Amino acid sequence: MDAGKGFAKLTRGTINTVTGWVEVPKRIHETSQSSGNAAGFTWGLLRGLGYGFIRTAAGLYEFFTFPFPAPPNYESVIQPEYVFSAEGTESGTPQ
């Protein structure tokens, strides 16, 4: 086990498990901006619940599997790696 990468996976898993719920207001805001308030509070809410569930599940997976290099090289199983990272970037750093 590469201790540094394993610890990074553990940290990422913990953060995503704790902050998965933030996807709900993020997706409501995002959808409201692009499609209006009615869509934001209906479709945005549904999107947020879905994304939040996926982010929380990915966080739990990474938390419990941190000693193992799966996926290869301890890469994140969800993109962006964190809810606060910009879409289309890795760790919030523009590509």
N, C-alpha and C. Protein backbone atom coordinates (compact mmCIF):
# COMPACT_ATOMS: atom_id res chain seq x y z
N MET A 1 0.85 -1.18 0.00
CA MET A 1 0.00 0.00 0.00
C MET A 1 0.88 1.24 0.00
N ASP A 2 0.61 2.15 -0.88
CA ASP A 2 1.27 3.46 -0.88
C ASP A 2 0.54 4.30 0.16
N ALA A 3 1.20 4.52 1.30
CA ALA A 3 0.55 5.16 2.45
C ALA A 3 -0.03 6.54 2.11
N GLY A 4 0.71 7.35 1.37
CA GLY A 4 0.23 8.69 1.02
C GLY A 4 -1.02 8.65 0.18
N LYS A 5 -1.05 7.79 -0.83
CA LYS A 5 -2.22 7.69 -1.70
C LYS A 5 -3.38 7.03 -0.98
N GLY A 6 -3.11 6.06 -0.13
CA GLY A 6 -4.16 5.43 0.65
C GLY A 6 -4.80 6.42 1.62
N PHE A 7 -3.97 7.24 2.25
CA PHE A 7 -4.49 8.25 3.17
C PHE A 7 -5.31 9.30 2.41
N ALA A 8 -4.86 9.67 1.21
CA ALA A 8 -5.61 10.61 0.38
C ALA A 8 -6.98 10.03 0.01
N LYS A 9 -7.02 8.72 -0.28
CA LYS A 9 -8.28 8.07 -0.61
C LYS A 9 -9.20 8.04 0.61
N LEU A 10 -8.65 7.78 1.79
CA LEU A 10 -9.42 7.79 3.03
C LEU A 10 -10.00 9.18 3.29
N THR A 11 -9.17 10.20 3.12
CA THR A 11 -9.61 11.58 3.33
C THR A 11 -10.71 11.96 2.34
N ARG A 12 -10.50 11.62 1.07
CA ARG A 12 -11.49 11.92 0.03
C ARG A 12 -12.81 11.21 0.34
N GLY A 13 -12.74 9.96 0.77
CA GLY A 13 -13.94 9.21 1.12
C GLY A 13 -14.69 9.83 2.28
N THR A 14 -13.95 10.25 3.30
CA THR A 14 -14.57 10.89 4.46
C THR A 14 -15.25 12.19 4.07
N ILE A 15 -14.55 13.02 3.31
CA ILE A 15 -15.11 14.30 2.89
C ILE A 15 -16.36 14.10 2.04
N ASN A 16 -16.32 13.18 1.09
CA ASN A 16 -17.48 12.96 0.22
C ASN A 16 -18.66 12.35 0.97
N THR A 17 -18.38 11.52 1.98
CA THR A 17 -19.46 10.96 2.79
C THR A 17 -20.16 12.06 3.59
N VAL A 18 -19.37 12.95 4.16
CA VAL A 18 -19.92 14.02 5.00
C VAL A 18 -20.58 15.12 4.18
N THR A 19 -20.07 15.42 2.99
CA THR A 19 -20.58 16.54 2.21
C THR A 19 -21.48 16.14 1.05
N GLY A 20 -21.86 14.87 0.95
CA GLY A 20 -22.72 14.42 -0.15
C GLY A 20 -24.02 15.19 -0.22
N TRP A 21 -24.58 15.57 0.92
CA TRP A 21 -25.86 16.29 0.97
C TRP A 21 -25.77 17.67 0.30
N VAL A 22 -24.57 18.22 0.18
CA VAL A 22 -24.40 19.55 -0.42
C VAL A 22 -24.79 19.54 -1.90
N GLU A 23 -24.83 18.37 -2.50
CA GLU A 23 -25.26 18.26 -3.90
C GLU A 23 -26.69 18.78 -4.08
N VAL A 24 -27.54 18.65 -3.06
CA VAL A 24 -28.94 19.05 -3.20
C VAL A 24 -29.06 20.56 -3.45
N PRO A 25 -28.57 21.43 -2.55
CA PRO A 25 -28.69 22.86 -2.86
C PRO A 25 -27.86 23.29 -4.07
N LYS A 26 -26.74 22.61 -4.30
CA LYS A 26 -25.90 22.94 -5.46
C LYS A 26 -26.67 22.71 -6.76
N ARG A 27 -27.35 21.56 -6.87
CA ARG A 27 -28.10 21.24 -8.10
C ARG A 27 -29.37 22.07 -8.22
N ILE A 28 -30.01 22.42 -7.11
CA ILE A 28 -31.17 23.31 -7.17
C ILE A 28 -30.74 24.66 -7.72
N HIS A 29 -29.65 25.20 -7.21
CA HIS A 29 -29.15 26.50 -7.67
C HIS A 29 -28.74 26.42 -9.14
N GLU A 30 -28.01 25.39 -9.49
CA GLU A 30 -27.53 25.22 -10.87
C GLU A 30 -28.70 25.14 -11.86
N THR A 31 -29.71 24.34 -11.52
CA THR A 31 -30.86 24.18 -12.41
C THR A 31 -31.70 25.45 -12.45
N SER A 32 -31.85 26.13 -11.32
CA SER A 32 -32.59 27.40 -11.29
C SER A 32 -31.93 28.44 -12.19
N GLN A 33 -30.61 28.48 -12.19
CA GLN A 33 -29.88 29.44 -13.01
C GLN A 33 -30.07 29.16 -14.50
N SER A 34 -30.10 27.89 -14.87
CA SER A 34 -30.18 27.57 -16.29
C SER A 34 -31.60 27.42 -16.82
N SER A 35 -32.56 27.02 -15.95
CA SER A 35 -33.90 26.71 -16.45
C SER A 35 -35.04 27.39 -15.70
N GLY A 36 -34.73 28.22 -14.72
CA GLY A 36 -35.77 28.91 -13.97
C GLY A 36 -36.04 28.27 -12.62
N ASN A 37 -36.72 29.05 -11.76
CA ASN A 37 -36.95 28.62 -10.39
C ASN A 37 -37.84 27.38 -10.28
N ALA A 38 -38.87 27.28 -11.09
CA ALA A 38 -39.77 26.12 -11.01
C ALA A 38 -38.99 24.83 -11.31
N ALA A 39 -38.17 24.86 -12.33
CA ALA A 39 -37.36 23.69 -12.66
C ALA A 39 -36.33 23.42 -11.56
N GLY A 40 -35.79 24.48 -10.98
CA GLY A 40 -34.80 24.32 -9.93
C GLY A 40 -35.34 23.59 -8.72
N PHE A 41 -36.58 23.94 -8.34
CA PHE A 41 -37.15 23.33 -7.14
C PHE A 41 -37.83 21.99 -7.40
N THR A 42 -37.92 21.58 -8.65
CA THR A 42 -38.45 20.25 -8.95
C THR A 42 -37.34 19.36 -9.51
N TRP A 43 -36.96 19.63 -10.74
CA TRP A 43 -35.91 18.84 -11.38
C TRP A 43 -34.57 18.98 -10.65
N GLY A 44 -34.24 20.18 -10.21
CA GLY A 44 -32.99 20.41 -9.48
C GLY A 44 -32.94 19.63 -8.17
N LEU A 45 -34.08 19.57 -7.49
CA LEU A 45 -34.16 18.79 -6.25
C LEU A 45 -33.92 17.31 -6.53
N LEU A 46 -34.56 16.79 -7.56
CA LEU A 46 -34.37 15.38 -7.92
C LEU A 46 -32.92 15.10 -8.32
N ARG A 47 -32.35 16.00 -9.12
CA ARG A 47 -30.94 15.83 -9.51
C ARG A 47 -30.04 15.85 -8.28
N GLY A 48 -30.31 16.78 -7.36
CA GLY A 48 -29.51 16.89 -6.15
C GLY A 48 -29.57 15.65 -5.29
N LEU A 49 -30.76 15.09 -5.15
CA LEU A 49 -30.90 13.85 -4.37
C LEU A 49 -30.13 12.70 -5.02
N GLY A 50 -30.21 12.62 -6.34
CA GLY A 50 -29.47 11.58 -7.05
C GLY A 50 -27.97 11.74 -6.94
N TYR A 51 -27.49 12.94 -7.22
CA TYR A 51 -26.05 13.21 -7.13
C TYR A 51 -25.56 13.04 -5.69
N GLY A 52 -26.38 13.48 -4.73
CA GLY A 52 -25.99 13.35 -3.33
C GLY A 52 -25.85 11.90 -2.91
N PHE A 53 -26.80 11.06 -3.35
CA PHE A 53 -26.72 9.64 -3.05
C PHE A 53 -25.46 9.03 -3.65
N ILE A 54 -25.19 9.34 -4.91
CA ILE A 54 -24.02 8.79 -5.59
C ILE A 54 -22.73 9.25 -4.90
N ARG A 55 -22.63 10.55 -4.55
CA ARG A 55 -21.43 11.07 -3.90
C ARG A 55 -21.22 10.42 -2.52
N THR A 56 -22.30 10.27 -1.76
CA THR A 56 -22.20 9.65 -0.44
C THR A 56 -21.80 8.18 -0.56
N ALA A 57 -22.40 7.47 -1.50
CA ALA A 57 -22.05 6.06 -1.72
C ALA A 57 -20.59 5.91 -2.16
N ALA A 58 -20.14 6.80 -3.05
CA ALA A 58 -18.74 6.76 -3.49
C ALA A 58 -17.80 7.06 -2.33
N GLY A 59 -18.20 7.99 -1.47
CA GLY A 59 -17.40 8.30 -0.28
C GLY A 59 -17.29 7.12 0.65
N LEU A 60 -18.40 6.43 0.88
CA LEU A 60 -18.37 5.24 1.74
C LEU A 60 -17.49 4.14 1.13
N TYR A 61 -17.60 3.95 -0.18
CA TYR A 61 -16.76 2.96 -0.86
C TYR A 61 -15.28 3.29 -0.66
N GLU A 62 -14.91 4.55 -0.88
CA GLU A 62 -13.50 4.94 -0.74
C GLU A 62 -13.05 4.86 0.71
N PHE A 63 -13.93 5.19 1.64
CA PHE A 63 -13.58 5.12 3.06
C PHE A 63 -13.25 3.69 3.47
N PHE A 64 -14.08 2.73 3.06
CA PHE A 64 -13.88 1.35 3.49
C PHE A 64 -12.84 0.59 2.68
N THR A 65 -12.49 1.09 1.48
CA THR A 65 -11.51 0.39 0.65
C THR A 65 -10.19 1.14 0.54
N PHE A 66 -9.94 2.11 1.42
CA PHE A 66 -8.74 2.93 1.27
C PHE A 66 -7.43 2.15 1.29
N PRO A 67 -7.31 1.00 1.96
CA PRO A 67 -6.01 0.31 1.93
C PRO A 67 -5.71 -0.37 0.59
N PHE A 68 -6.71 -0.48 -0.27
CA PHE A 68 -6.55 -1.23 -1.52
C PHE A 68 -6.50 -0.28 -2.72
N PRO A 69 -5.57 -0.51 -3.65
CA PRO A 69 -5.43 0.37 -4.82
C PRO A 69 -6.49 0.09 -5.90
N ALA A 70 -7.76 0.22 -5.52
CA ALA A 70 -8.84 0.01 -6.48
C ALA A 70 -9.74 1.23 -6.44
N PRO A 71 -9.95 1.92 -7.54
CA PRO A 71 -9.39 1.71 -8.86
C PRO A 71 -7.87 1.89 -8.86
N PRO A 72 -7.23 1.51 -9.96
CA PRO A 72 -5.77 1.56 -10.02
C PRO A 72 -5.21 2.92 -9.60
N ASN A 73 -4.13 2.86 -8.86
CA ASN A 73 -3.40 4.05 -8.43
C ASN A 73 -4.23 4.94 -7.50
N TYR A 74 -5.20 4.35 -6.80
CA TYR A 74 -6.03 5.06 -5.82
C TYR A 74 -6.79 6.24 -6.42
N GLU A 75 -7.14 6.18 -7.70
CA GLU A 75 -7.85 7.28 -8.34
C GLU A 75 -9.27 7.39 -7.79
N SER A 76 -9.84 8.56 -7.90
CA SER A 76 -11.19 8.81 -7.43
C SER A 76 -12.20 8.03 -8.26
N VAL A 77 -13.28 7.57 -7.61
CA VAL A 77 -14.33 6.86 -8.33
C VAL A 77 -15.42 7.80 -8.82
N ILE A 78 -15.33 9.08 -8.49
CA ILE A 78 -16.34 10.06 -8.89
C ILE A 78 -15.64 11.35 -9.29
N GLN A 79 -16.19 12.00 -10.32
CA GLN A 79 -15.65 13.28 -10.77
C GLN A 79 -16.74 14.33 -10.73
N PRO A 80 -16.48 15.52 -10.30
CA PRO A 80 -15.24 15.96 -9.69
C PRO A 80 -15.01 15.27 -8.35
N GLU A 81 -13.77 15.25 -7.90
CA GLU A 81 -13.43 14.51 -6.68
C GLU A 81 -14.20 14.99 -5.46
N TYR A 82 -14.48 16.28 -5.38
CA TYR A 82 -15.18 16.87 -4.24
C TYR A 82 -16.34 17.70 -4.74
N VAL A 83 -17.37 17.82 -3.92
CA VAL A 83 -18.56 18.58 -4.31
C VAL A 83 -18.23 20.04 -4.58
N PHE A 84 -17.21 20.58 -3.94
CA PHE A 84 -16.85 21.98 -4.10
C PHE A 84 -15.90 22.23 -5.28
N SER A 85 -15.44 21.17 -5.93
CA SER A 85 -14.58 21.32 -7.10
C SER A 85 -15.42 21.69 -8.30
N ALA A 86 -14.84 22.45 -9.21
CA ALA A 86 -15.56 22.84 -10.42
C ALA A 86 -15.75 21.62 -11.32
N GLU A 87 -16.85 21.60 -12.06
CA GLU A 87 -17.12 20.51 -13.00
C GLU A 87 -16.03 20.50 -14.07
N GLY A 88 -15.63 19.30 -14.50
CA GLY A 88 -14.64 19.18 -15.56
C GLY A 88 -13.22 19.42 -15.10
N THR A 89 -12.98 19.43 -13.79
CA THR A 89 -11.63 19.59 -13.28
C THR A 89 -11.34 18.46 -12.32
N GLU A 90 -10.07 18.26 -12.08
CA GLU A 90 -9.65 17.26 -11.13
C GLU A 90 -9.07 17.97 -9.93
N SER A 91 -9.63 17.76 -8.75
CA SER A 91 -9.21 18.41 -7.50
C SER A 91 -9.33 19.92 -7.58
N GLY A 92 -10.19 20.43 -8.46
CA GLY A 92 -10.41 21.86 -8.55
C GLY A 92 -9.35 22.60 -9.36
N THR A 93 -8.39 21.88 -9.92
CA THR A 93 -7.34 22.49 -10.71
C THR A 93 -7.72 22.44 -12.19
N PRO A 94 -7.80 23.57 -12.87
CA PRO A 94 -8.17 23.54 -14.30
C PRO A 94 -7.21 22.68 -15.10
N GLN A 95 -7.77 21.98 -16.07
CA GLN A 95 -6.94 21.09 -16.90
C GLN A 95 -6.39 21.81 -18.08
